[in-house]
Amino acid sequence: MKKTLKIIIWALVAAFVLLTFYLLWRQSRPVPETYELLTPVQRTIRQSSIATGQIQPRRMVYVKPRITGILSRIDVKIGQKVKVGDVIARVSVIPDMNSYNEALSAVESSNLQLREAQREFDLSESLFKQGVIPREDYEKATHSLSLAKENAARAQSSLDIILHGSSSRSGAVNTTIVKATMSGTVIDIPLKQGASVVSTSPYSEGTTIVTIADVSDMIFDGTIDETEVDKLSPGTPAVITVGSSLDRHITGTLEEISAMGVKKNGTVMFSLKASVDSDDGATELRAGYSANAEFITAQADSVISIEETAISFEEGATYVYKLVSGSARNQKFERVPVVTGLSDGIYIELKEGVTKDMVLRGNKMN
């Protein structure tokens, strides 16, 4: 019994030793390399530069009042179409006290001058009829009276404009009525009725009451990095993507690039504008949409291409490795010289050396 037990133990030890040596031998053997297999595909390859920006109307105006006061009425709504000259708002005048006092003093002064000129005219007329003074003096008094009347009327008109926004001398001109300065669509009304407004002057831009734009003619207004700007020129085609609908296809054309860059967050950016030529969207483009414009700087249509990972650069030449034979664990490849073309960073054009029926070596899998 003891002898049998010893034989079994030694057999187990021998088996363990043999298994250990087998595992060590198998582990020391080189693992065959396996690669991902790729097939050339016919596709369009583009090189492009990306600009970020917004969709904006080509023509847009900010309508501002011609007099300081209170916005008493707004006669339009957002989205309403207007024509040049349409009344869009009314402003109630709040006179500036300094201007009012100066205008009132001017009226009183001109009236005094008018009364004095009238008195001198009456005296000159009487003396002229009696033959005491010559016609020249009479005509001079007549001219002085006319000037005094004009000055008085002008001073009164200025006072009326300060108080009411218009005068009898201005006729149809009324500064309290705000009219559209271009035909288009109302896209923004930043104020509400009762808000204070300031007229445009050399010292103030004035308060915007309404923004009007031609929404039928939109453009892409954006910026691009200085490293990309030299690749672009007016006329470069663009594919524009708006943030509201990534599946929307919009084509455009680069129209202009700024001649001077502006430094933003440590990077020099150049502004540019591109037209919107066509749009397959069911809804209209809205002003202010965030958008990206991809400007196509180079393009190769329907060319044989492969992933760039399949390309090997050796000894100053370009090669791919064609699968000759092999299974999942024993692949054999043949090196084939190729001529490459345009690359978009992922796929590269193969001009010579490869056909669509070839199977090529890709990334290593183990």
Foldseek 3Di string as FASTA:
>chain_A
DVVVVVVVVVVVVVVVVVVVVVVVVVVPDDFFWFFDKWFWDWFKFFAWFKWWFWKAFPDKDFFFFAAWAFFADADDDAFDWDAFFAFGTFGFADFDVVQLVVLVVQLVVLVVQLVVLVVLQVVLVVCVVVVNDDVVSNVVSVVSNVVSVVSNVVSVQSNCCRNGQGDPVRPPDGRRTTTDRHTAGWHDAPDDGGDTWHRPDPVDNIDGGTMGGHLVWMKTKTKGFPVCPVLDDWFFKKWKAFPVDRPKTWIWTWHDKDPAFDADPNTTIIITMITTDDIPDPDGDGGGTIMMIIGGSDMDHRATKIFPQQWDQDPNFIWGWWFDDDDRRGTDTDIWTWDWDDDRNTMTGTDDTDDRPTMTGGGTDD
